[in-house]
Amino acid sequence: MHGRYPAWYRTLRFVQTTTIYRPGGGTLVQTWPEVGRFPGKLRIETDTMGQGGVIYRADSVYQFAAGRLARADTGMNDLLILGFDVYAQPVEATVAVLRRRGFDLGRLSRATLEGRAMWVVGALPGDTISKQFWVDQERLVFVRLLEHRRTPTGMRLDDIRFQKFVRHGGGWVAEEVMFYRDGKPSLHEAYANVQVNVPLDDALFDPQAWTSVAGRWYK
């Protein structure tokens, strides 16, 4: 993946239409502006009116509500690592972090998804239990994450899929992302106004500067 795309974009900006599927039925539609600098930085504004959202920066996560820092903790975003960071950082760094994230890189198998041949990393044939990611064999882009998570009500299967790949710069952007929980749709993302390799202010990824740029940078 890293070797195929030496000119992969290093920054990404878009506005996301987010459809949330309610457990009891119906949907809620929101607009989430997002911006990333790779490797390791992503800003998502999930509440533009209330200045809420999240910053992922390296191995830290900062969550905001009402313009204030609500929670800071260690953590990483697997989708950021597999969909973007893998192209922007040394292979050794990606391998190390994926192993820490629970992927068994010694397990490799083949599968198909929507008619396309896939590499399955982290699982042998027929294994839907182990944490695993799927890579398109032709394009060498990440397309699927499968993970069982422990929740207060029991185990849950998360199935996340990158879809509608469009060429941008020296790489691809999956302009739709679909989230499933236990086989049922839970979240749909559709990207618009996609821009790559755009200059980005460092303040976008600075937790102390959240309110100074919230709601302004994407207009």
Protein backbone atom coordinates (compact mmCIF):
# COMPACT_ATOMS: atom_id res chain seq x y z
CA MET A 1 0.00 0.00 0.00
CA HIS A 2 2.74 2.42 0.97
CA GLY A 3 4.87 1.61 -2.07
CA ARG A 4 2.02 1.90 -4.57
CA TYR A 5 1.22 5.53 -3.76
CA PRO A 6 4.36 7.60 -3.13
CA ALA A 7 2.47 10.81 -3.98
CA TRP A 8 -0.57 10.16 -1.77
CA TYR A 9 -2.07 13.43 -0.52
CA ARG A 10 -0.96 14.70 2.89
CA THR A 11 -3.98 16.86 3.76
CA LEU A 12 -7.70 16.36 3.22
CA ARG A 13 -10.71 18.62 3.73
CA PHE A 14 -14.40 17.95 3.12
CA VAL A 15 -17.92 18.47 4.46
CA GLN A 16 -19.69 15.28 5.48
CA THR A 17 -23.41 14.58 5.45
CA THR A 18 -23.92 12.16 8.33
CA THR A 19 -27.01 9.97 8.53
CA ILE A 20 -27.50 8.36 11.93
CA TYR A 21 -29.83 5.36 12.04
CA ARG A 22 -31.85 5.39 15.24
CA PRO A 23 -32.21 2.02 17.03
CA GLY A 24 -35.95 2.47 17.27
CA GLY A 25 -36.35 3.48 13.65
CA GLY A 26 -35.92 6.64 11.63
CA THR A 27 -32.80 8.66 10.92
CA LEU A 28 -31.09 11.86 12.00
CA VAL A 29 -29.11 13.83 9.41
CA GLN A 30 -26.27 16.17 10.41
CA THR A 31 -23.41 18.03 8.71
CA TRP A 32 -19.87 17.38 10.00
CA PRO A 33 -16.95 19.36 8.56
CA GLU A 34 -13.71 17.34 8.71
CA VAL A 35 -10.06 18.00 8.02
CA GLY A 36 -6.98 15.79 8.27
CA ARG A 37 -3.22 16.02 8.07
CA PHE A 38 -1.43 12.72 7.66
CA PRO A 39 -0.05 10.93 9.47
CA GLY A 40 -1.95 11.11 12.72
CA LYS A 41 -4.16 14.20 12.73
CA LEU A 42 -7.92 14.48 12.22
CA ARG A 43 -10.49 17.08 13.28
CA ILE A 44 -14.24 16.39 13.17
CA GLU A 45 -16.81 19.04 14.10
CA THR A 46 -19.91 17.04 15.01
CA ASP A 47 -21.86 20.02 16.38
CA THR A 48 -21.04 23.22 14.53
CA MET A 49 -23.66 25.27 16.37
CA GLY A 50 -22.60 24.03 19.80
CA GLN A 51 -18.89 23.86 18.96
CA GLY A 52 -18.61 20.15 19.71
CA GLY A 53 -16.40 17.55 18.12
CA VAL A 54 -13.16 15.65 18.39
CA ILE A 55 -9.47 15.93 17.56
CA TYR A 56 -7.33 12.86 16.97
CA ARG A 57 -3.64 13.68 17.29
CA ALA A 58 -1.06 10.88 17.25
CA ASP A 59 -2.04 8.64 20.19
CA SER A 60 -4.36 11.13 21.91
CA VAL A 61 -8.07 11.92 21.59
CA TYR A 62 -9.64 15.24 22.62
CA GLN A 63 -13.43 15.55 22.81
CA PHE A 64 -15.21 18.88 22.96
CA ALA A 65 -18.70 20.03 23.95
CA ALA A 66 -20.06 23.59 24.05
CA GLY A 67 -16.67 24.88 22.95
CA ARG A 68 -14.82 23.33 25.88
CA LEU A 69 -12.60 20.31 26.30
CA ALA A 70 -14.86 17.61 27.78
CA ARG A 71 -12.43 14.68 27.75
CA ALA A 72 -8.80 13.97 26.90
CA ASP A 73 -7.43 10.45 26.77
CA THR A 74 -5.06 8.14 24.97
CA GLY A 75 -6.46 6.46 21.90
CA MET A 76 -6.23 6.10 18.15
CA ASN A 77 -8.59 5.88 15.20
CA ASP A 78 -8.16 2.66 13.18
CA LEU A 79 -9.82 4.24 10.14
CA LEU A 80 -7.32 7.09 10.18
CA ILE A 81 -4.42 4.63 10.37
CA LEU A 82 -5.63 2.22 7.69
CA GLY A 83 -7.24 4.68 5.30
CA PHE A 84 -4.67 7.46 5.36
CA ASP A 85 -1.65 7.18 7.68
CA VAL A 86 -0.41 4.00 6.02
CA TYR A 87 0.48 6.05 2.93
CA ALA A 88 2.17 8.90 4.79
CA GLN A 89 4.45 7.25 7.34
CA PRO A 90 7.20 4.59 7.25
CA VAL A 91 5.98 1.02 6.88
CA GLU A 92 7.63 0.05 10.16
CA ALA A 93 5.58 2.65 12.03
CA THR A 94 2.31 1.34 10.57
CA VAL A 95 3.20 -2.28 11.32
CA ALA A 96 4.03 -1.45 14.94
CA VAL A 97 0.85 0.50 15.58
CA LEU A 98 -1.41 -2.08 13.91
CA ARG A 99 0.04 -4.81 16.09
CA ARG A 100 -0.60 -2.67 19.17
CA ARG A 101 -4.15 -2.16 17.95
CA GLY A 102 -4.80 -5.91 18.02
CA PHE A 103 -4.32 -7.02 14.42
CA ASP A 104 -2.50 -10.32 13.84
CA LEU A 105 -0.46 -9.40 10.76
CA GLY A 106 0.70 -13.01 10.42
CA ARG A 107 -2.76 -14.06 9.27
CA LEU A 108 -3.60 -13.39 5.62
CA SER A 109 -6.40 -14.73 3.44
CA ARG A 110 -8.45 -13.88 0.36
CA ALA A 111 -12.08 -12.89 -0.05
CA THR A 112 -14.38 -10.96 -2.37
CA LEU A 113 -16.53 -7.94 -1.63
CA GLU A 114 -19.01 -6.54 -4.15
CA GLY A 115 -17.26 -8.48 -6.89
CA ARG A 116 -13.75 -7.23 -6.11
CA ALA A 117 -10.87 -9.39 -4.89
CA MET A 118 -9.69 -8.59 -1.37
CA TRP A 119 -6.77 -9.31 0.91
CA VAL A 120 -7.94 -10.04 4.46
CA VAL A 121 -5.32 -9.15 7.06
CA GLY A 122 -5.76 -10.53 10.56
CA ALA A 123 -7.95 -13.55 9.81
CA LEU A 124 -7.84 -16.91 8.04
CA PRO A 125 -10.60 -18.05 5.65
CA GLY A 126 -14.03 -18.15 7.30
CA ASP A 127 -12.92 -16.25 10.42
CA THR A 128 -15.31 -13.38 11.18
CA ILE A 129 -14.36 -13.18 14.86
CA SER A 130 -10.77 -11.91 14.78
CA LYS A 131 -10.12 -8.21 14.35
CA GLN A 132 -9.31 -7.76 10.66
CA PHE A 133 -9.05 -5.30 7.79
CA TRP A 134 -9.69 -5.84 4.10
CA VAL A 135 -7.64 -4.34 1.28
CA ASP A 136 -8.63 -4.16 -2.39
CA GLN A 137 -6.11 -6.35 -4.22
CA GLU A 138 -6.02 -4.21 -7.36
CA ARG A 139 -6.08 -0.71 -5.91
CA LEU A 140 -4.34 -1.54 -2.62
CA VAL A 141 -6.70 0.65 -0.61
CA PHE A 142 -8.40 -0.13 2.70
CA VAL A 143 -12.08 -1.02 2.29
CA ARG A 144 -13.34 -2.82 5.39
CA LEU A 145 -12.81 -3.19 9.14
CA LEU A 146 -14.38 -5.99 11.18
CA GLU A 147 -14.14 -5.93 14.96
CA HIS A 148 -16.02 -7.41 17.90
CA ARG A 149 -16.39 -4.93 20.76
CA ARG A 150 -17.42 -5.53 24.34
CA THR A 151 -20.28 -3.25 25.43
CA PRO A 152 -22.35 -3.01 28.64
CA THR A 153 -25.04 -5.11 26.93
CA GLY A 154 -22.68 -7.74 25.52
CA MET A 155 -20.51 -8.27 22.47
CA ARG A 156 -21.15 -6.23 19.32
CA LEU A 157 -19.86 -6.69 15.77
CA ASP A 158 -18.76 -3.49 14.04
CA ASP A 159 -18.46 -3.64 10.25
CA ILE A 160 -17.16 -0.46 8.61
CA ARG A 161 -16.81 -0.12 4.84
CA PHE A 162 -15.13 2.51 2.66
CA GLN A 163 -17.10 2.94 -0.58
CA LYS A 164 -17.35 5.09 -3.73
CA PHE A 165 -13.62 5.57 -4.30
CA VAL A 166 -12.71 8.68 -6.28
CA ARG A 167 -9.21 9.64 -7.41
CA HIS A 168 -7.84 12.74 -5.71
CA GLY A 169 -4.27 13.96 -6.05
CA GLY A 170 -1.93 10.99 -5.91
CA GLY A 171 -4.38 8.71 -4.14
CA TRP A 172 -8.03 7.88 -3.53
CA VAL A 173 -10.81 9.15 -1.29
CA ALA A 174 -13.68 6.87 -0.31
CA GLU A 175 -16.45 9.45 -0.57
CA GLU A 176 -18.92 7.21 1.25
CA VAL A 177 -18.42 5.25 4.47
CA MET A 178 -20.99 2.83 5.87
CA PHE A 179 -21.09 1.61 9.48
CA TYR A 180 -22.98 -1.53 10.52
CA ARG A 181 -23.60 -2.84 14.03
CA ASP A 182 -24.53 -6.51 14.26
CA GLY A 183 -25.45 -6.44 10.59
CA LYS A 184 -27.73 -3.39 10.79
CA PRO A 185 -26.90 0.09 9.41
CA SER A 186 -25.89 2.51 12.15
CA LEU A 187 -24.18 5.40 10.34
CA HIS A 188 -23.69 6.60 6.77
CA GLU A 189 -21.17 9.24 5.70
CA ALA A 190 -21.23 11.06 2.34
CA TYR A 191 -18.44 13.50 1.49
CA ALA A 192 -18.76 16.71 -0.53
CA ASN A 193 -16.40 19.56 -1.45
CA VAL A 194 -13.43 17.19 -1.19
CA GLN A 195 -10.05 18.94 -1.37
CA VAL A 196 -6.58 17.45 -0.99
CA ASN A 197 -3.12 18.90 -0.39
CA VAL A 198 -4.58 22.18 0.85
CA PRO A 199 -2.65 24.35 3.35
CA LEU A 200 -3.92 23.84 6.90
CA ASP A 201 -3.45 25.96 9.99
CA ASP A 202 -1.71 24.12 12.84
CA ALA A 203 -4.41 25.52 15.15
CA LEU A 204 -6.93 23.11 13.63
CA PHE A 205 -5.27 20.26 15.53
CA ASP A 206 -4.41 22.18 18.70
CA PRO A 207 -6.88 21.40 21.52
CA GLN A 208 -6.19 24.76 23.14
CA ALA A 209 -7.28 26.54 19.95
CA TRP A 210 -10.53 24.62 19.41
CA THR A 211 -12.89 27.57 19.81
CA SER A 212 -10.72 30.02 17.88
CA VAL A 213 -11.21 28.10 14.63
CA ALA A 214 -14.42 26.10 15.25
CA GLY A 215 -17.07 26.80 12.63
CA ARG A 216 -14.83 29.09 10.58
CA TRP A 217 -12.14 27.17 8.71
CA TYR A 218 -14.47 25.38 6.24
CA LYS A 219 -16.53 28.38 5.16
